[in-house]
Amino acid sequence: MKTLFDAIMTKFTAAPGGVNNAFFVDISGRLFFYSAPDDEPFPKAVFRVVSVAPERTFTEMFTNALLQLSLFSSDLSGIEIEKMLTDSTALYDECSLSISDHTLVWMKYENLAIMEDEIITDLGTQKILHYAIDYDVKISLN
């Protein structure tokens, strides 16, 4: 999975012509794997693996993975997180990735769960918006 995450991060940080993509700008580069540091300000995003299943045919080996991209915003109006959703989907849904020793078959947006969470901070309880986007990913071993 490390090579997949490396490819996801490479796509995120790519700046063709010195210009970052809209999702990078939305979250000021704050994309993390598995969890974000508590002291990182909002907005931010976290990619994590939900499940992985091998698939084998007579001639090929695949890995099927369910990845979740969680978007977090302290702007309760929904405007900021909706832009994050639009821009992250534009970046990753049906995208192409260069993965070492593997070929991306697909990366497809499958599901969205919308939540309002409460977190404890130094200042007390804070409400945030949390969108969890599920991506179905299939890669083949070269």
N, C-alpha and C. Protein backbone atom coordinates (compact mmCIF):
# COMPACT_ATOMS: atom_id res chain seq x y z
N MET A 1 0.82 -1.19 0.00
CA MET A 1 0.00 0.00 0.00
C MET A 1 0.87 1.27 0.00
N LYS A 2 2.10 1.14 0.45
CA LYS A 2 2.96 2.32 0.51
C LYS A 2 3.14 2.94 -0.87
N THR A 3 3.33 2.11 -1.89
CA THR A 3 3.53 2.67 -3.23
C THR A 3 2.27 3.38 -3.73
N LEU A 4 1.10 2.88 -3.34
CA LEU A 4 -0.16 3.55 -3.70
C LEU A 4 -0.25 4.90 -3.00
N PHE A 5 0.06 4.93 -1.70
CA PHE A 5 0.02 6.20 -0.96
C PHE A 5 1.04 7.19 -1.50
N ASP A 6 2.21 6.70 -1.88
CA ASP A 6 3.21 7.59 -2.48
C ASP A 6 2.67 8.22 -3.76
N ALA A 7 1.98 7.41 -4.58
CA ALA A 7 1.41 7.92 -5.83
C ALA A 7 0.31 8.94 -5.56
N ILE A 8 -0.52 8.68 -4.55
CA ILE A 8 -1.58 9.62 -4.17
C ILE A 8 -0.98 10.95 -3.72
N MET A 9 0.07 10.88 -2.93
CA MET A 9 0.72 12.10 -2.45
C MET A 9 1.43 12.84 -3.58
N THR A 10 2.04 12.10 -4.49
CA THR A 10 2.71 12.73 -5.63
C THR A 10 1.69 13.50 -6.47
N LYS A 11 0.52 12.91 -6.69
CA LYS A 11 -0.53 13.60 -7.45
C LYS A 11 -0.98 14.85 -6.68
N PHE A 12 -1.11 14.75 -5.36
CA PHE A 12 -1.55 15.86 -4.53
C PHE A 12 -0.56 17.03 -4.56
N THR A 13 0.73 16.72 -4.51
CA THR A 13 1.74 17.77 -4.40
C THR A 13 2.25 18.25 -5.75
N ALA A 14 1.85 17.58 -6.84
CA ALA A 14 2.31 18.01 -8.17
C ALA A 14 1.88 19.45 -8.43
N ALA A 15 2.80 20.20 -9.01
CA ALA A 15 2.52 21.62 -9.29
C ALA A 15 2.98 21.93 -10.71
N PRO A 16 2.22 21.44 -11.71
CA PRO A 16 2.63 21.73 -13.09
C PRO A 16 2.68 23.23 -13.34
N GLY A 17 3.78 23.66 -13.90
CA GLY A 17 3.94 25.09 -14.17
C GLY A 17 4.03 25.92 -12.91
N GLY A 18 4.35 25.27 -11.78
CA GLY A 18 4.48 25.98 -10.51
C GLY A 18 3.16 26.31 -9.83
N VAL A 19 2.06 25.72 -10.33
CA VAL A 19 0.74 26.00 -9.77
C VAL A 19 0.19 24.74 -9.10
N ASN A 20 -0.17 24.85 -7.82
CA ASN A 20 -0.75 23.71 -7.11
C ASN A 20 -2.19 23.49 -7.56
N ASN A 21 -2.66 22.25 -7.41
CA ASN A 21 -4.06 21.94 -7.75
C ASN A 21 -4.99 22.58 -6.72
N ALA A 22 -6.27 22.67 -7.08
CA ALA A 22 -7.26 23.36 -6.24
C ALA A 22 -7.43 22.69 -4.88
N PHE A 23 -7.38 21.35 -4.82
CA PHE A 23 -7.54 20.66 -3.54
C PHE A 23 -6.37 20.98 -2.61
N PHE A 24 -5.15 20.99 -3.13
CA PHE A 24 -3.97 21.36 -2.34
C PHE A 24 -4.16 22.75 -1.74
N VAL A 25 -4.62 23.68 -2.56
CA VAL A 25 -4.84 25.05 -2.10
C VAL A 25 -5.95 25.10 -1.05
N ASP A 26 -7.05 24.34 -1.27
CA ASP A 26 -8.18 24.32 -0.32
C ASP A 26 -7.73 24.00 1.10
N ILE A 27 -6.81 23.02 1.22
CA ILE A 27 -6.42 22.54 2.55
C ILE A 27 -5.00 22.96 2.92
N SER A 28 -4.45 23.91 2.17
CA SER A 28 -3.10 24.45 2.43
C SER A 28 -2.05 23.34 2.57
N GLY A 29 -2.21 22.29 1.75
CA GLY A 29 -1.23 21.20 1.75
C GLY A 29 -1.35 20.23 2.91
N ARG A 30 -2.41 20.33 3.71
CA ARG A 30 -2.54 19.49 4.91
C ARG A 30 -3.30 18.19 4.61
N LEU A 31 -2.62 17.26 3.89
CA LEU A 31 -3.14 15.93 3.63
C LEU A 31 -2.25 14.95 4.38
N PHE A 32 -2.87 14.08 5.18
CA PHE A 32 -2.14 13.14 6.02
C PHE A 32 -2.63 11.72 5.74
N PHE A 33 -1.83 10.75 6.13
CA PHE A 33 -2.23 9.36 6.05
C PHE A 33 -2.53 8.84 7.44
N TYR A 34 -3.67 8.19 7.59
CA TYR A 34 -4.17 7.55 8.80
C TYR A 34 -4.67 8.52 9.86
N SER A 35 -3.92 9.57 10.20
CA SER A 35 -4.44 10.55 11.15
C SER A 35 -3.67 11.86 11.00
N ALA A 36 -4.34 12.94 11.37
CA ALA A 36 -3.71 14.27 11.33
C ALA A 36 -3.28 14.65 12.74
N PRO A 37 -2.17 15.33 12.86
CA PRO A 37 -1.77 15.83 14.18
C PRO A 37 -2.86 16.74 14.76
N ASP A 38 -3.08 16.63 16.05
CA ASP A 38 -4.12 17.42 16.71
C ASP A 38 -3.90 18.92 16.57
N ASP A 39 -2.65 19.34 16.49
CA ASP A 39 -2.37 20.78 16.45
C ASP A 39 -2.43 21.37 15.04
N GLU A 40 -2.76 20.56 14.04
CA GLU A 40 -2.91 21.08 12.67
C GLU A 40 -4.24 21.83 12.56
N PRO A 41 -4.21 23.04 12.01
CA PRO A 41 -5.46 23.81 11.89
C PRO A 41 -6.37 23.23 10.79
N PHE A 42 -7.61 23.63 10.82
CA PHE A 42 -8.57 23.27 9.78
C PHE A 42 -8.46 24.30 8.67
N PRO A 43 -8.79 23.94 7.45
CA PRO A 43 -9.23 22.63 6.98
C PRO A 43 -8.05 21.68 6.79
N LYS A 44 -8.35 20.38 6.79
CA LYS A 44 -7.34 19.35 6.58
C LYS A 44 -8.02 18.09 6.07
N ALA A 45 -7.21 17.13 5.63
CA ALA A 45 -7.75 15.88 5.08
C ALA A 45 -6.86 14.71 5.48
N VAL A 46 -7.47 13.53 5.53
CA VAL A 46 -6.76 12.31 5.91
C VAL A 46 -7.18 11.17 4.98
N PHE A 47 -6.19 10.48 4.39
CA PHE A 47 -6.43 9.25 3.63
C PHE A 47 -6.13 8.07 4.53
N ARG A 48 -6.97 7.04 4.46
CA ARG A 48 -6.68 5.81 5.21
C ARG A 48 -7.23 4.60 4.45
N VAL A 49 -6.66 3.46 4.74
CA VAL A 49 -7.13 2.20 4.16
C VAL A 49 -8.26 1.67 5.03
N VAL A 50 -9.38 1.32 4.41
CA VAL A 50 -10.49 0.70 5.13
C VAL A 50 -10.36 -0.82 5.03
N SER A 51 -10.10 -1.32 3.82
CA SER A 51 -9.93 -2.77 3.63
C SER A 51 -9.11 -3.03 2.38
N VAL A 52 -8.49 -4.22 2.36
CA VAL A 52 -7.69 -4.65 1.22
C VAL A 52 -8.00 -6.12 0.97
N ALA A 53 -8.19 -6.48 -0.29
CA ALA A 53 -8.46 -7.88 -0.64
C ALA A 53 -7.67 -8.25 -1.89
N PRO A 54 -6.93 -9.36 -1.84
CA PRO A 54 -6.22 -9.80 -3.04
C PRO A 54 -7.20 -10.46 -4.01
N GLU A 55 -6.86 -10.37 -5.29
CA GLU A 55 -7.65 -11.03 -6.33
C GLU A 55 -6.66 -11.64 -7.31
N ARG A 56 -6.84 -12.91 -7.59
CA ARG A 56 -5.92 -13.59 -8.50
C ARG A 56 -6.70 -14.25 -9.63
N THR A 57 -6.15 -14.13 -10.82
CA THR A 57 -6.66 -14.89 -11.96
C THR A 57 -5.56 -15.88 -12.33
N PHE A 58 -5.74 -16.59 -13.41
CA PHE A 58 -4.70 -17.53 -13.83
C PHE A 58 -3.42 -16.83 -14.24
N THR A 59 -3.53 -15.60 -14.67
CA THR A 59 -2.35 -14.91 -15.21
C THR A 59 -2.02 -13.59 -14.52
N GLU A 60 -2.90 -13.08 -13.67
CA GLU A 60 -2.67 -11.76 -13.08
C GLU A 60 -2.95 -11.75 -11.58
N MET A 61 -2.31 -10.77 -10.91
CA MET A 61 -2.56 -10.55 -9.49
C MET A 61 -3.00 -9.10 -9.31
N PHE A 62 -4.12 -8.93 -8.62
CA PHE A 62 -4.66 -7.61 -8.36
C PHE A 62 -4.76 -7.39 -6.86
N THR A 63 -4.83 -6.13 -6.48
CA THR A 63 -5.18 -5.75 -5.11
C THR A 63 -6.38 -4.82 -5.20
N ASN A 64 -7.44 -5.17 -4.50
CA ASN A 64 -8.62 -4.33 -4.40
C ASN A 64 -8.58 -3.66 -3.04
N ALA A 65 -8.71 -2.36 -3.02
CA ALA A 65 -8.65 -1.63 -1.76
C ALA A 65 -9.81 -0.65 -1.67
N LEU A 66 -10.32 -0.49 -0.47
CA LEU A 66 -11.28 0.57 -0.19
C LEU A 66 -10.52 1.61 0.62
N LEU A 67 -10.37 2.80 0.03
CA LEU A 67 -9.69 3.91 0.70
C LEU A 67 -10.73 4.94 1.10
N GLN A 68 -10.47 5.60 2.21
CA GLN A 68 -11.36 6.67 2.65
C GLN A 68 -10.58 7.96 2.75
N LEU A 69 -11.11 9.00 2.11
CA LEU A 69 -10.56 10.34 2.22
C LEU A 69 -11.51 11.12 3.11
N SER A 70 -11.04 11.49 4.30
CA SER A 70 -11.85 12.27 5.23
C SER A 70 -11.46 13.74 5.13
N LEU A 71 -12.46 14.58 4.94
CA LEU A 71 -12.28 16.02 4.86
C LEU A 71 -12.81 16.63 6.15
N PHE A 72 -12.07 17.57 6.72
CA PHE A 72 -12.46 18.20 7.99
C PHE A 72 -12.44 19.72 7.84
N SER A 73 -13.52 20.35 8.31
CA SER A 73 -13.62 21.81 8.23
C SER A 73 -14.30 22.34 9.49
N SER A 74 -13.80 23.47 9.98
CA SER A 74 -14.44 24.12 11.13
C SER A 74 -15.46 25.16 10.68
N ASP A 75 -15.58 25.37 9.36
CA ASP A 75 -16.57 26.28 8.79
C ASP A 75 -17.90 25.54 8.69
N LEU A 76 -18.83 25.80 9.61
CA LEU A 76 -20.09 25.05 9.66
C LEU A 76 -21.09 25.47 8.59
N SER A 77 -20.76 26.47 7.78
CA SER A 77 -21.66 26.87 6.69
C SER A 77 -21.70 25.81 5.59
N GLY A 78 -20.67 24.98 5.51
CA GLY A 78 -20.60 23.96 4.48
C GLY A 78 -19.95 24.43 3.20
N ILE A 79 -19.73 25.72 3.04
CA ILE A 79 -19.16 26.24 1.80
C ILE A 79 -17.74 25.72 1.59
N GLU A 80 -16.93 25.80 2.63
CA GLU A 80 -15.53 25.37 2.52
C GLU A 80 -15.43 23.87 2.22
N ILE A 81 -16.16 23.05 2.95
CA ILE A 81 -16.04 21.60 2.78
C ILE A 81 -16.63 21.13 1.45
N GLU A 82 -17.65 21.82 0.96
CA GLU A 82 -18.21 21.48 -0.36
C GLU A 82 -17.19 21.75 -1.46
N LYS A 83 -16.43 22.83 -1.33
CA LYS A 83 -15.37 23.12 -2.30
C LYS A 83 -14.28 22.06 -2.19
N MET A 84 -13.94 21.65 -0.97
CA MET A 84 -12.95 20.59 -0.78
C MET A 84 -13.43 19.30 -1.44
N LEU A 85 -14.71 18.98 -1.29
CA LEU A 85 -15.28 17.78 -1.91
C LEU A 85 -15.17 17.86 -3.43
N THR A 86 -15.59 18.97 -3.99
CA THR A 86 -15.54 19.15 -5.44
C THR A 86 -14.12 19.03 -5.97
N ASP A 87 -13.18 19.69 -5.31
CA ASP A 87 -11.81 19.72 -5.80
C ASP A 87 -11.07 18.40 -5.56
N SER A 88 -11.33 17.72 -4.45
CA SER A 88 -10.69 16.43 -4.21
C SER A 88 -11.23 15.38 -5.18
N THR A 89 -12.52 15.44 -5.47
CA THR A 89 -13.12 14.52 -6.43
C THR A 89 -12.55 14.76 -7.83
N ALA A 90 -12.40 16.01 -8.20
CA ALA A 90 -11.81 16.33 -9.50
C ALA A 90 -10.39 15.79 -9.61
N LEU A 91 -9.67 15.77 -8.50
CA LEU A 91 -8.28 15.29 -8.50
C LEU A 91 -8.18 13.77 -8.52
N TYR A 92 -9.03 13.07 -7.75
CA TYR A 92 -8.84 11.64 -7.54
C TYR A 92 -9.86 10.71 -8.21
N ASP A 93 -11.07 11.15 -8.50
CA ASP A 93 -12.05 10.25 -9.10
C ASP A 93 -11.66 9.94 -10.54
N GLU A 94 -11.55 8.65 -10.86
CA GLU A 94 -11.17 8.19 -12.20
C GLU A 94 -9.85 8.82 -12.66
N CYS A 95 -8.92 8.99 -11.72
CA CYS A 95 -7.64 9.61 -12.02
C CYS A 95 -6.65 8.59 -12.57
N SER A 96 -5.51 9.09 -12.99
CA SER A 96 -4.39 8.23 -13.33
C SER A 96 -3.32 8.46 -12.26
N LEU A 97 -2.64 7.37 -11.90
CA LEU A 97 -1.57 7.44 -10.91
C LEU A 97 -0.39 6.63 -11.43
N SER A 98 0.81 7.08 -11.16
CA SER A 98 2.02 6.30 -11.46
C SER A 98 2.45 5.61 -10.18
N ILE A 99 2.27 4.28 -10.14
CA ILE A 99 2.55 3.50 -8.94
C ILE A 99 3.72 2.57 -9.23
N SER A 100 4.77 2.63 -8.43
CA SER A 100 5.95 1.78 -8.63
C SER A 100 5.55 0.31 -8.65
N ASP A 101 5.99 -0.40 -9.67
CA ASP A 101 5.79 -1.85 -9.83
C ASP A 101 4.32 -2.27 -9.92
N HIS A 102 3.41 -1.34 -10.11
CA HIS A 102 1.99 -1.64 -10.22
C HIS A 102 1.35 -0.78 -11.32
N THR A 103 0.18 -1.19 -11.74
CA THR A 103 -0.61 -0.41 -12.68
C THR A 103 -1.96 -0.12 -12.04
N LEU A 104 -2.36 1.13 -12.05
CA LEU A 104 -3.69 1.47 -11.54
C LEU A 104 -4.73 1.05 -12.57
N VAL A 105 -5.66 0.20 -12.15
CA VAL A 105 -6.76 -0.20 -13.02
C VAL A 105 -7.87 0.84 -12.92
N TRP A 106 -8.21 1.20 -11.67
CA TRP A 106 -9.16 2.27 -11.45
C TRP A 106 -9.08 2.80 -10.02
N MET A 107 -9.56 4.02 -9.88
CA MET A 107 -9.78 4.66 -8.58
C MET A 107 -11.08 5.42 -8.74
N LYS A 108 -12.14 4.90 -8.12
CA LYS A 108 -13.49 5.43 -8.35
C LYS A 108 -14.14 5.88 -7.04
N TYR A 109 -14.74 7.05 -7.09
CA TYR A 109 -15.54 7.59 -5.99
C TYR A 109 -16.76 6.67 -5.85
N GLU A 110 -16.95 6.11 -4.67
CA GLU A 110 -18.04 5.16 -4.45
C GLU A 110 -19.13 5.65 -3.51
N ASN A 111 -18.76 6.43 -2.50
CA ASN A 111 -19.73 6.75 -1.45
C ASN A 111 -19.28 8.01 -0.71
N LEU A 112 -20.25 8.71 -0.15
CA LEU A 112 -19.96 9.88 0.68
C LEU A 112 -20.81 9.81 1.93
N ALA A 113 -20.17 9.92 3.09
CA ALA A 113 -20.88 10.03 4.37
C ALA A 113 -20.61 11.43 4.91
N ILE A 114 -21.68 12.12 5.31
CA ILE A 114 -21.58 13.49 5.80
C ILE A 114 -21.90 13.49 7.30
N MET A 115 -20.97 14.06 8.08
CA MET A 115 -21.13 14.05 9.53
C MET A 115 -20.81 15.41 10.13
N GLU A 116 -21.37 15.67 11.27
CA GLU A 116 -20.97 16.80 12.10
C GLU A 116 -20.38 16.19 13.36
N ASP A 117 -19.11 16.45 13.61
CA ASP A 117 -18.41 15.88 14.75
C ASP A 117 -18.18 16.94 15.82
N GLU A 118 -17.98 16.48 17.03
CA GLU A 118 -17.55 17.36 18.12
C GLU A 118 -16.19 16.89 18.58
N ILE A 119 -15.26 17.84 18.69
CA ILE A 119 -13.92 17.52 19.15
C ILE A 119 -13.61 18.35 20.38
N ILE A 120 -12.71 17.85 21.18
CA ILE A 120 -12.28 18.56 22.38
C ILE A 120 -10.97 19.27 22.05
N THR A 121 -10.94 20.57 22.30
CA THR A 121 -9.72 21.36 22.08
C THR A 121 -9.35 22.04 23.39
N ASP A 122 -8.25 22.78 23.37
CA ASP A 122 -7.84 23.53 24.56
C ASP A 122 -8.89 24.55 24.96
N LEU A 123 -9.70 24.97 24.00
CA LEU A 123 -10.72 25.97 24.27
C LEU A 123 -12.08 25.36 24.61
N GLY A 124 -12.15 24.03 24.64
CA GLY A 124 -13.42 23.35 24.93
C GLY A 124 -13.89 22.51 23.76
N THR A 125 -15.18 22.30 23.69
CA THR A 125 -15.77 21.48 22.62
C THR A 125 -15.99 22.33 21.38
N GLN A 126 -15.61 21.77 20.22
CA GLN A 126 -15.76 22.48 18.95
C GLN A 126 -16.48 21.56 17.97
N LYS A 127 -17.45 22.10 17.24
CA LYS A 127 -18.12 21.35 16.19
C LYS A 127 -17.36 21.54 14.88
N ILE A 128 -17.26 20.45 14.12
CA ILE A 128 -16.63 20.50 12.80
C ILE A 128 -17.47 19.67 11.83
N LEU A 129 -17.31 19.95 10.55
CA LEU A 129 -17.90 19.13 9.51
C LEU A 129 -16.89 18.10 9.06
N HIS A 130 -17.37 16.89 8.81
CA HIS A 130 -16.52 15.77 8.40
C HIS A 130 -17.20 15.05 7.25
N TYR A 131 -16.58 15.07 6.09
CA TYR A 131 -17.06 14.32 4.93
C TYR A 131 -16.11 13.14 4.73
N ALA A 132 -16.64 11.94 4.65
CA ALA A 132 -15.85 10.74 4.42
C ALA A 132 -16.18 10.20 3.03
N ILE A 133 -15.21 10.28 2.13
CA ILE A 133 -15.38 9.83 0.74
C ILE A 133 -14.70 8.48 0.59
N ASP A 134 -15.45 7.48 0.12
CA ASP A 134 -14.88 6.16 -0.13
C ASP A 134 -14.48 6.04 -1.59
N TYR A 135 -13.28 5.53 -1.80
CA TYR A 135 -12.77 5.26 -3.15
C TYR A 135 -12.49 3.77 -3.30
N ASP A 136 -13.03 3.19 -4.36
CA ASP A 136 -12.71 1.81 -4.73
C ASP A 136 -11.49 1.86 -5.63
N VAL A 137 -10.44 1.16 -5.22
CA VAL A 137 -9.17 1.19 -5.96
C VAL A 137 -8.79 -0.23 -6.34
N LYS A 138 -8.37 -0.39 -7.58
CA LYS A 138 -7.88 -1.68 -8.04
C LYS A 138 -6.54 -1.45 -8.72
N ILE A 139 -5.52 -2.20 -8.27
CA ILE A 139 -4.20 -2.12 -8.87
C ILE A 139 -3.74 -3.52 -9.26
N SER A 140 -2.93 -3.59 -10.30
CA SER A 140 -2.38 -4.88 -10.71
C SER A 140 -0.86 -4.85 -10.54
N LEU A 141 -0.30 -6.01 -10.25
CA LEU A 141 1.14 -6.13 -10.11
C LEU A 141 1.74 -6.23 -11.51
N ASN A 142 2.74 -5.42 -11.79
CA ASN A 142 3.40 -5.47 -13.12
C ASN A 142 4.22 -6.73 -13.26
